[in-house]
Protein backbone atom coordinates (compact mmCIF):
# COMPACT_ATOMS: atom_id res chain seq x y z
CA UNK A 1 35.19 28.59 160.00
CA UNK A 2 36.42 28.37 156.43
CA UNK A 3 34.79 26.12 153.52
CA UNK A 4 37.11 23.93 150.98
CA UNK A 5 33.95 23.72 148.13
CA UNK A 6 34.80 25.21 144.96
CA UNK A 7 32.09 28.39 144.70
CA UNK A 8 31.00 26.76 141.25
CA UNK A 9 29.69 23.55 142.71
CA UNK A 10 27.23 25.44 145.11
CA UNK A 11 24.05 25.05 144.67
CA UNK A 12 24.01 28.49 143.06
CA UNK A 13 26.91 27.67 140.66
CA UNK A 14 25.39 24.32 139.42
CA UNK A 15 22.06 26.43 139.11
CA UNK A 16 23.40 28.80 136.60
CA UNK A 17 25.29 26.28 134.49
CA UNK A 18 22.17 24.45 133.77
CA UNK A 19 20.13 27.47 133.21
CA UNK A 20 23.30 28.33 131.61
CA UNK A 21 23.31 25.25 129.40
CA UNK A 22 19.17 25.11 128.60
CA UNK A 23 19.38 28.30 127.23
CA UNK A 24 22.38 27.84 125.15
CA UNK A 25 20.72 24.92 123.50
CA UNK A 26 16.78 25.91 123.55
CA UNK A 27 18.39 28.60 121.35
CA UNK A 28 20.40 26.65 119.47
CA UNK A 29 17.09 24.39 118.82
CA UNK A 30 14.79 27.32 118.31
CA UNK A 31 17.31 28.70 115.23
CA UNK A 32 17.44 25.84 113.65
CA UNK A 33 20.91 24.84 113.97
CA UNK A 34 22.42 28.24 113.15
CA UNK A 35 24.89 27.93 116.29
CA UNK A 36 26.67 25.20 114.17
CA UNK A 37 27.58 23.96 110.70
CA UNK A 38 27.99 19.77 110.12
CA UNK A 39 30.21 20.64 107.17
CA UNK A 40 30.15 22.16 104.04
CA UNK A 41 27.30 22.42 101.17
CA UNK A 42 27.38 20.32 97.83
CA UNK A 43 28.68 22.56 94.56
CA UNK A 44 26.94 20.04 92.02
CA UNK A 45 24.32 21.84 90.19
CA UNK A 46 23.48 22.75 86.53
CA UNK A 47 20.19 24.70 86.58
CA UNK A 48 19.16 27.28 88.23
CA UNK A 49 16.54 26.79 91.22
CA UNK A 50 15.38 28.86 93.85
CA UNK A 51 18.28 31.83 92.58
CA UNK A 52 20.98 29.44 93.08
CA UNK A 53 22.84 26.77 91.10
CA UNK A 54 24.13 24.39 93.89
CA UNK A 55 23.72 24.41 97.56
CA UNK A 56 27.03 26.00 98.33
CA UNK A 57 25.78 29.23 96.91
CA UNK A 58 23.14 29.32 99.76
CA UNK A 59 26.18 29.96 102.23
CA UNK A 60 25.29 30.69 105.64
CA UNK A 61 21.49 31.62 104.94
CA UNK A 62 20.12 27.95 106.79
CA UNK A 63 16.79 28.96 107.21
CA UNK A 64 16.61 28.40 103.89
CA UNK A 65 16.33 24.72 104.32
CA UNK A 66 16.34 24.41 107.79
CA UNK A 67 12.88 25.15 110.06
CA UNK A 68 12.52 25.88 113.43
CA UNK A 69 10.28 23.86 115.63
CA UNK A 70 7.15 25.81 115.86
CA UNK A 71 6.97 26.12 112.21
CA UNK A 72 4.19 24.48 110.72
CA UNK A 73 6.55 23.64 107.57
CA UNK A 74 9.17 20.90 107.55
CA UNK A 75 12.51 20.61 105.80
CA UNK A 76 11.07 18.32 102.84
CA UNK A 77 8.37 21.91 102.23
CA UNK A 78 11.86 23.91 102.30
CA UNK A 79 12.58 21.25 99.49
CA UNK A 80 9.77 21.34 97.12
CA UNK A 81 9.88 25.22 96.99
CA UNK A 82 12.72 24.91 94.98
CA UNK A 83 12.31 21.60 93.24
CA UNK A 84 9.30 22.11 91.98
CA UNK A 85 9.01 19.71 89.65
CA UNK A 86 9.92 17.25 92.34
CA UNK A 87 6.78 18.00 93.99
CA UNK A 88 4.62 17.26 90.96
CA UNK A 89 5.84 13.58 90.99
CA UNK A 90 5.47 12.94 95.04
CA UNK A 91 1.79 13.54 93.76
CA UNK A 92 1.50 11.22 91.19
CA UNK A 93 1.66 7.28 92.14
CA UNK A 94 3.03 6.10 88.59
CA UNK A 95 6.13 8.40 88.80
CA UNK A 96 9.84 7.43 90.36
CA UNK A 97 9.31 9.89 93.21
CA UNK A 98 5.08 9.14 93.85
CA UNK A 99 6.26 5.35 93.88
CA UNK A 100 9.42 5.97 96.74
CA UNK A 101 6.77 7.45 99.10
CA UNK A 102 4.04 4.64 98.13
CA UNK A 103 6.60 1.95 99.05
CA UNK A 104 8.33 3.67 102.28
CA UNK A 105 5.55 5.87 104.01
CA UNK A 106 7.67 8.90 105.94
CA UNK A 107 10.25 8.77 103.86
CA UNK A 108 11.83 12.21 103.86
CA UNK A 109 13.73 14.17 101.01
CA UNK A 110 16.76 14.04 103.11
CA UNK A 111 17.04 9.98 103.89
CA UNK A 112 18.20 10.23 100.03
CA UNK A 113 19.55 13.29 99.49
CA UNK A 114 21.79 14.02 102.55
CA UNK A 115 24.12 17.17 102.53
CA UNK A 116 26.76 18.93 104.11
CA UNK A 117 29.20 16.18 103.17
CA UNK A 118 31.78 18.46 101.00
CA UNK A 119 31.37 19.76 97.57
CA UNK A 120 32.13 17.10 95.97
CA UNK A 121 29.96 14.33 97.52
CA UNK A 122 27.39 12.88 96.05
CA UNK A 123 24.04 13.81 96.38
CA UNK A 124 21.57 11.06 95.79
CA UNK A 125 22.36 7.56 98.10
CA UNK A 126 19.47 5.02 98.65
CA UNK A 127 20.67 3.19 101.60
CA UNK A 128 18.15 0.39 101.90
CA UNK A 129 15.32 1.94 100.68
CA UNK A 130 13.35 -0.36 98.33
CA UNK A 131 13.63 1.80 94.45
CA UNK A 132 11.55 1.41 92.10
CA UNK A 133 13.82 0.50 89.38
CA UNK A 134 11.11 -0.07 86.57
CA UNK A 135 9.76 3.66 86.99
CA UNK A 136 13.02 4.47 85.38
CA UNK A 137 12.53 2.35 81.78
CA UNK A 138 14.74 -0.30 82.82
CA UNK A 139 13.33 -3.30 85.45
CA UNK A 140 15.67 -5.69 87.28
CA UNK A 141 13.62 -9.02 86.87
CA UNK A 142 16.56 -10.13 84.67
CA UNK A 143 18.98 -9.07 86.72
CA UNK A 144 18.79 -10.75 90.11
CA UNK A 145 22.77 -12.49 89.93
CA UNK A 146 26.07 -11.17 88.90
CA UNK A 147 27.99 -13.06 86.36
CA UNK A 148 30.03 -14.16 89.62
CA UNK A 149 26.50 -16.08 90.59
CA UNK A 150 26.08 -13.01 93.76
CA UNK A 151 22.94 -10.16 94.43
CA UNK A 152 23.30 -7.02 92.42
CA UNK A 153 24.23 -4.06 94.74
CA UNK A 154 23.57 -0.68 93.20
CA UNK A 155 26.91 0.41 92.79
CA UNK A 156 27.71 -2.59 90.60
CA UNK A 157 25.94 -0.72 87.13
CA UNK A 158 26.21 2.29 89.08
CA UNK A 159 29.39 2.67 91.22
CA UNK A 160 29.72 5.49 93.41
CA UNK A 161 26.70 7.27 91.77
CA UNK A 162 23.32 6.13 91.41
CA UNK A 163 22.12 8.97 89.22
CA UNK A 164 24.58 8.01 86.62
CA UNK A 165 24.71 4.98 84.25
CA UNK A 166 27.43 4.47 81.55
CA UNK A 167 26.60 1.78 78.90
CA UNK A 168 29.90 0.08 79.09
CA UNK A 169 29.19 -1.58 81.96
CA UNK A 170 26.86 -3.86 80.02
CA UNK A 171 28.97 -4.65 77.79
CA UNK A 172 32.31 -5.45 80.74
CA UNK A 173 30.02 -7.70 82.96
CA UNK A 174 28.11 -9.57 79.52
CA UNK A 175 31.92 -10.53 78.49
CA UNK A 176 31.79 -12.21 81.57
CA UNK A 177 29.31 -14.19 81.33
CA UNK A 178 29.90 -15.37 77.45
CA UNK A 179 32.53 -13.29 75.66
CA UNK A 180 32.16 -14.90 72.35
CA UNK A 181 28.47 -13.84 71.98
CA UNK A 182 28.84 -10.26 73.85
CA UNK A 183 31.43 -10.01 70.95
CA UNK A 184 29.51 -10.26 68.25
CA UNK A 185 26.06 -8.89 69.37
CA UNK A 186 28.13 -5.72 70.34
CA UNK A 187 29.42 -5.83 66.34
CA UNK A 188 26.02 -6.67 65.19
CA UNK A 189 23.67 -4.12 66.95
CA UNK A 190 26.03 -1.52 68.82
CA UNK A 191 26.96 -0.47 72.33
CA UNK A 192 23.89 1.37 73.05
CA UNK A 193 21.74 -1.55 74.71
CA UNK A 194 19.06 -0.01 76.32
CA UNK A 195 17.89 1.23 73.24
CA UNK A 196 16.75 -2.45 72.39
CA UNK A 197 16.73 -3.85 76.11
CA UNK A 198 14.69 -2.91 79.08
CA UNK A 199 15.81 -5.64 81.77
CA UNK A 200 12.12 -7.47 81.45
CA UNK A 201 14.39 -10.08 78.82
CA UNK A 202 12.19 -10.07 76.36
CA UNK A 203 15.12 -10.71 73.40
CA UNK A 204 15.91 -13.67 75.64
CA UNK A 205 16.01 -17.36 75.61
CA UNK A 206 12.17 -17.46 76.34
CA UNK A 207 11.55 -14.96 72.69
CA UNK A 208 9.14 -16.37 70.47
CA UNK A 209 9.70 -15.26 67.12
CA UNK A 210 6.42 -16.73 66.18
CA UNK A 211 4.06 -14.24 68.19
CA UNK A 212 4.90 -12.19 65.55
CA UNK A 213 3.31 -11.67 62.18
CA UNK A 214 6.71 -13.11 59.95
CA UNK A 215 6.62 -16.39 62.39
CA UNK A 216 10.23 -18.41 61.27
CA UNK A 217 9.36 -22.16 59.76
CA UNK A 218 11.54 -24.10 57.68
CA UNK A 219 14.98 -22.94 57.06
CA UNK A 220 14.11 -19.47 58.95
CA UNK A 221 13.34 -21.51 62.03
CA UNK A 222 17.61 -22.08 62.60
CA UNK A 223 18.78 -18.44 61.58
CA UNK A 224 20.90 -16.00 63.26
CA UNK A 225 18.80 -13.00 64.10
CA UNK A 226 21.55 -10.66 62.41
CA UNK A 227 20.65 -12.46 59.51
CA UNK A 228 17.56 -10.78 58.69
CA UNK A 229 17.79 -7.72 61.65
CA UNK A 230 21.53 -6.41 60.18
CA UNK A 231 22.59 -3.45 61.49
CA UNK A 232 18.83 -2.55 63.99
CA UNK A 233 19.88 -0.10 66.46
CA UNK A 234 16.95 -0.07 68.29
CA UNK A 235 13.30 -1.15 68.68
CA UNK A 236 12.27 0.91 65.91
CA UNK A 237 14.64 -0.79 63.61
CA UNK A 238 13.34 -4.25 64.40
CA UNK A 239 9.96 -3.16 63.42
CA UNK A 240 10.18 -1.50 59.72
CA UNK A 241 12.34 -4.49 59.20
CA UNK A 242 11.48 -5.88 55.39
CA UNK A 243 9.26 -9.07 55.73
CA UNK A 244 9.43 -9.86 51.49
CA UNK A 245 11.56 -12.33 50.27
CA UNK A 246 13.07 -10.77 47.70
CA UNK A 247 14.87 -7.98 50.14
CA UNK A 248 16.55 -10.68 52.25
CA UNK A 249 17.08 -12.90 49.21
CA UNK A 250 18.26 -10.79 46.56
CA UNK A 251 21.65 -11.06 46.61
CA UNK A 252 21.65 -14.86 46.19
CA UNK A 253 19.03 -15.09 43.61
CA UNK A 254 20.29 -16.83 40.52
CA UNK A 255 17.50 -15.57 37.93
CA UNK A 256 18.99 -11.69 37.91
CA UNK A 257 15.39 -10.24 38.20
CA UNK A 258 13.66 -12.44 34.99
CA UNK A 259 11.25 -13.83 37.19
CA UNK A 260 10.42 -11.07 38.99
CA UNK A 261 10.67 -10.56 42.66
CA UNK A 262 8.08 -12.91 43.55
CA UNK A 263 10.14 -15.84 45.70
CA UNK A 264 7.21 -17.65 47.04
CA UNK A 265 5.56 -18.16 43.68
CA UNK A 266 8.21 -21.37 43.23
CA UNK A 267 10.17 -21.56 46.68
CA UNK A 268 9.02 -22.63 50.29
CA UNK A 269 10.84 -22.18 53.29
CA UNK A 270 10.93 -25.62 53.62
CA UNK A 271 14.20 -25.23 51.00
CA UNK A 272 15.70 -23.15 48.79
CA UNK A 273 15.14 -26.02 46.10
CA UNK A 274 13.33 -28.02 44.83
CA UNK A 275 11.59 -24.81 43.15
CA UNK A 276 8.30 -25.47 41.51
CA UNK A 277 6.38 -22.64 39.33
CA UNK A 278 2.72 -22.94 38.67
CA UNK A 279 2.72 -21.57 34.94
CA UNK A 280 -0.96 -20.71 35.17
CA UNK A 281 -0.03 -18.57 37.30
CA UNK A 282 1.39 -16.60 34.27
CA UNK A 283 -0.10 -14.88 31.61
CA UNK A 284 0.94 -17.90 29.45
CA UNK A 285 -1.11 -20.74 30.79
CA UNK A 286 0.55 -24.65 29.59
CA UNK A 287 -1.93 -25.84 27.87
CA UNK A 288 -2.00 -29.31 25.31
CA UNK A 289 1.01 -30.40 24.61
CA UNK A 290 2.55 -27.31 25.81
CA UNK A 291 2.06 -28.52 29.63
CA UNK A 292 5.12 -31.28 29.38
CA UNK A 293 7.50 -28.73 27.72
CA UNK A 294 11.15 -28.05 29.25
CA UNK A 295 11.08 -24.86 30.75
CA UNK A 296 14.65 -24.17 29.44
CA UNK A 297 12.99 -24.81 25.22
CA UNK A 298 11.12 -21.28 25.67
CA UNK A 299 12.99 -19.41 28.41
CA UNK A 300 16.50 -19.84 26.31
CA UNK A 301 19.62 -18.07 27.89
CA UNK A 302 17.57 -17.95 31.82
CA UNK A 303 15.44 -15.87 30.74
CA UNK A 304 12.12 -15.46 31.59
CA UNK A 305 10.57 -12.05 32.58
CA UNK A 306 9.30 -10.87 29.13
CA UNK A 307 9.40 -13.73 27.32
CA UNK A 308 7.62 -13.32 23.94
CA UNK A 309 4.15 -15.44 24.40
CA UNK A 310 3.09 -15.61 20.45
CA UNK A 311 3.57 -19.15 18.73
CA UNK A 312 6.12 -18.30 15.61
CA UNK A 313 8.31 -16.58 18.28
CA UNK A 314 8.87 -20.47 19.49
CA UNK A 315 7.89 -22.03 16.33
CA UNK A 316 9.64 -19.85 13.55
CA UNK A 317 12.43 -22.62 13.04
CA UNK A 318 9.68 -25.21 12.51
CA UNK A 319 7.24 -23.75 10.18
CA UNK A 320 7.42 -25.52 7.16
CA UNK A 321 5.46 -22.72 5.11
CA UNK A 322 8.42 -21.34 5.52
CA UNK A 323 6.36 -17.85 6.19
CA UNK A 324 3.79 -18.18 3.42
CA UNK A 325 0.59 -18.21 6.48
CA UNK A 326 2.07 -15.41 8.07
CA UNK A 327 2.89 -15.51 11.49
CA UNK A 328 -0.47 -16.72 13.37
CA UNK A 329 -0.19 -19.72 14.45
CA UNK A 330 -3.31 -19.69 16.03
CA UNK A 331 -5.15 -18.89 12.76
CA UNK A 332 -4.55 -22.92 12.36
CA UNK A 333 -3.07 -24.98 15.11
CA UNK A 334 -4.16 -25.62 18.60
CA UNK A 335 -1.87 -26.30 21.85
CA UNK A 336 -3.27 -30.40 22.00
CA UNK A 337 -2.01 -30.91 18.81
CA UNK A 338 0.36 -29.55 16.41
CA UNK A 339 -1.16 -31.60 13.28
CA UNK A 340 -4.68 -31.33 14.05
CA UNK A 341 -4.39 -28.00 11.65
CA UNK A 342 -8.10 -26.41 10.65
CA UNK A 343 -8.11 -23.03 9.41
CA UNK A 344 -11.08 -20.89 9.59
CA UNK A 345 -11.32 -18.51 6.62
CA UNK A 346 -14.15 -16.46 8.43
CA UNK A 347 -11.75 -15.54 10.61
CA UNK A 348 -9.55 -13.44 7.79
CA UNK A 349 -10.07 -10.39 6.24
CA UNK A 350 -11.80 -12.45 3.45
CA UNK A 351 -14.85 -14.73 4.91
CA UNK A 352 -16.07 -17.80 2.53
CA UNK A 353 -19.48 -17.04 2.20
CA UNK A 354 -22.01 -17.95 -0.46
CA UNK A 355 -20.71 -19.26 -3.58
CA UNK A 356 -16.89 -19.13 -2.34
CA UNK A 357 -17.78 -21.79 0.18
CA UNK A 358 -16.73 -24.95 -0.43
CA UNK A 359 -14.13 -24.13 -3.11
CA UNK A 360 -10.94 -25.80 -2.47
CA UNK A 361 -8.01 -24.16 -1.09
CA UNK A 362 -5.84 -25.38 -4.12
CA UNK A 363 -8.31 -23.35 -6.24
CA UNK A 364 -7.09 -19.89 -4.66
CA UNK A 365 -4.05 -20.72 -3.51
CA UNK A 366 -2.79 -22.55 -6.93
CA UNK A 367 0.87 -21.57 -6.41
CA UNK A 368 1.02 -22.75 -2.66
CA UNK A 369 0.94 -19.09 -1.37
CA UNK A 370 -1.56 -18.04 1.35
CA UNK A 371 -0.56 -14.63 2.70
CA UNK A 372 -0.74 -11.56 0.81
CA UNK A 373 -2.96 -12.64 -1.70
CA UNK A 374 -5.34 -9.87 -3.05
CA UNK A 375 -8.69 -9.94 -2.74
CA UNK A 376 -10.13 -8.73 -6.17
CA UNK A 377 -12.46 -10.56 -8.00
CA UNK A 378 -10.48 -10.66 -11.02
CA UNK A 379 -7.31 -11.89 -9.66
CA UNK A 380 -9.22 -15.32 -9.46
CA UNK A 381 -11.87 -14.80 -12.19
CA UNK A 382 -10.05 -13.04 -14.49
CA UNK A 383 -11.99 -11.03 -17.75
CA UNK A 384 -14.49 -13.37 -19.64
CA UNK A 385 -13.59 -12.67 -23.76
CA UNK A 386 -17.43 -11.81 -24.34
CA UNK A 387 -16.84 -9.27 -21.65
CA UNK A 388 -14.35 -7.58 -24.57
CA UNK A 389 -13.04 -5.40 -22.11
CA UNK A 390 -15.83 -3.34 -21.69
CA UNK A 391 -16.77 -3.57 -18.15
CA UNK A 392 -13.86 -3.23 -16.27
CA UNK A 393 -12.32 -5.22 -13.40
CA UNK A 394 -14.92 -4.63 -11.07
CA UNK A 395 -17.08 -7.22 -11.16
CA UNK A 396 -19.06 -6.90 -8.45
CA UNK A 397 -20.73 -3.77 -10.31
CA UNK A 398 -22.69 -6.47 -11.62
CA UNK A 399 -22.43 -9.68 -10.15
CA UNK A 400 -22.82 -10.95 -6.57
CA UNK A 401 -21.06 -13.57 -4.85
CA UNK A 402 -24.39 -15.51 -4.16
CA UNK A 403 -24.96 -16.12 -7.83
CA UNK A 404 -21.88 -15.35 -9.97
CA UNK A 405 -23.76 -16.28 -13.50
CA UNK A 406 -26.95 -13.09 -12.53
CA UNK A 407 -27.66 -10.79 -14.99
CA UNK A 408 -26.65 -7.37 -14.56
CA UNK A 409 -28.88 -5.82 -12.48
CA UNK A 410 -27.88 -2.09 -12.88
CA UNK A 411 -29.59 0.87 -14.60
CA UNK A 412 -28.47 0.34 -18.23
CA UNK A 413 -26.22 2.92 -19.35
CA UNK A 414 -28.95 5.22 -22.02
CA UNK A 415 -31.70 3.10 -21.33
CA UNK A 416 -34.67 3.16 -19.12
CA UNK A 417 -36.30 0.14 -16.96
CA UNK A 418 -39.55 0.55 -18.68
CA UNK A 419 -40.40 -3.41 -17.70
CA UNK A 420 -40.38 -3.35 -13.68
CA UNK A 421 -39.06 -6.06 -13.03
CA UNK A 422 -35.55 -4.74 -12.18
CA UNK A 423 -34.18 -5.43 -15.42
CA UNK A 424 -33.52 -3.15 -18.57
CA UNK A 425 -36.56 -3.67 -21.12
CA UNK A 426 -38.56 -5.88 -19.40
CA UNK A 427 -35.84 -8.32 -18.73
CA UNK A 428 -34.37 -9.32 -21.79
CA UNK A 429 -30.73 -11.22 -21.39
CA UNK A 430 -27.56 -9.38 -22.57
CA UNK A 431 -27.51 -11.17 -25.62
CA UNK A 432 -31.03 -10.14 -26.46
CA UNK A 433 -29.04 -6.78 -28.54
CA UNK A 434 -25.88 -8.02 -27.98
CA UNK A 435 -26.31 -10.73 -30.27
CA UNK A 436 -22.18 -10.96 -31.12
CA UNK A 437 -20.29 -8.41 -29.58
CA UNK A 438 -21.29 -6.17 -26.62
CA UNK A 439 -20.82 -2.48 -28.05
CA UNK A 440 -22.38 -2.77 -31.27
CA UNK A 441 -26.06 -3.05 -30.68
CA UNK A 442 -28.37 -0.57 -31.62
CA UNK A 443 -31.90 0.51 -31.22
CA UNK A 444 -32.98 0.06 -34.53
CA UNK A 445 -32.07 -3.70 -34.84
CA UNK A 446 -35.13 -4.36 -32.57
CA UNK A 447 -37.40 -1.43 -33.25
CA UNK A 448 -38.72 -0.55 -36.78
CA UNK A 449 -38.80 2.80 -35.47
CA UNK A 450 -42.44 3.16 -34.32
CA UNK A 451 -42.28 5.09 -31.08
CA UNK A 452 -45.29 3.10 -29.92
CA UNK A 453 -42.90 -0.37 -30.36
CA UNK A 454 -40.76 -0.20 -27.11
CA UNK A 455 -41.17 -3.88 -26.66
CA UNK A 456 -37.64 -6.17 -26.19
CA UNK A 457 -36.81 -7.81 -28.43
CA UNK A 458 -37.82 -8.72 -32.26
CA UNK A 459 -41.67 -9.96 -32.73
């Protein structure tokens, strides 16, 4: 009897088919996918690792990435064989890959880096992976909602490739939020937003400048940032901003540098005017009558620094002495009272001591001249007629200030002092020998020629 069943559906045929299918599947499984290829590999790459620059150069060497079931190594192990720096990061929790593994246990490399999608396909896709954005230097704390008040997605900032970021993205988004502010901010600080901003909004509405050494008080409190931080292009530029007044206000300084550069000596943060100046901080203190003098009286033509501090420079036009007393006004006058003049002659080069003390001023300054007088005795005392011009004009060779009428105390020319009293010839006066003229006295007038008679004067 003939059978109508197909031969392949016999028990033997079915068993053979199952065995063949299992053999093919087992071989495919054991070969790690060598029997099929889900698609071409990526051509992305800018450096050589493992002898190739991109995955596409691996070609048909599938086991370079894929492992057999009985191997102890995994595909992740194959990845780090080439990407050694990633293996180091995976062991450091503070790094990006270390944090990813810590936050997403069991996550493999191919979960974020799929392959076999063509030469131009992205090699990084996070999917629903919790990415630690802070580890790349930019926190998402201040970027929860877009300008449209919708939650941010990765593509809002990174488009189709999360490994890249265009700086213009910041500008485009913030112009939607506040066009005027974004435009002015870019003009003031440039378009490299990440040089200053890290996503935590430290320079946002909650920024408090008073937490820094230079606190904003008075008129400074309402200033725009770029008034002091003009043309800053990074955090370092903000940190090195000069904090002295003159650096910022030099262009507005009306004194043309005459008052120096320490603006705080006169001005306060509460207002540029009114200004006060403590003159006692200067080298010339305002005492007595000077305390009430208007600034312009001494500081003419707007000049303040290097103003002369000597009296005569200011009071020359008021000098009623016409320069006869010199230019040192303080020798007689004091700041408390210009009329209360007292002159201490001992401060001059001719002190009034002994016989000169108490002499009326006019006796020496008879012509009203004070400056330029000589200090020679003869200029005041003259040469007495009884000197007959014999002793010259050096009065001090015989006279002293203590006693003008004292006798000659020196050694008499040609005559020995035998009296021992300090006066030649036993204390005899000049007229003892010089009775009429000072130059005609002879020994014989007093002595009779006896050598033993050497007494002074006639007996």
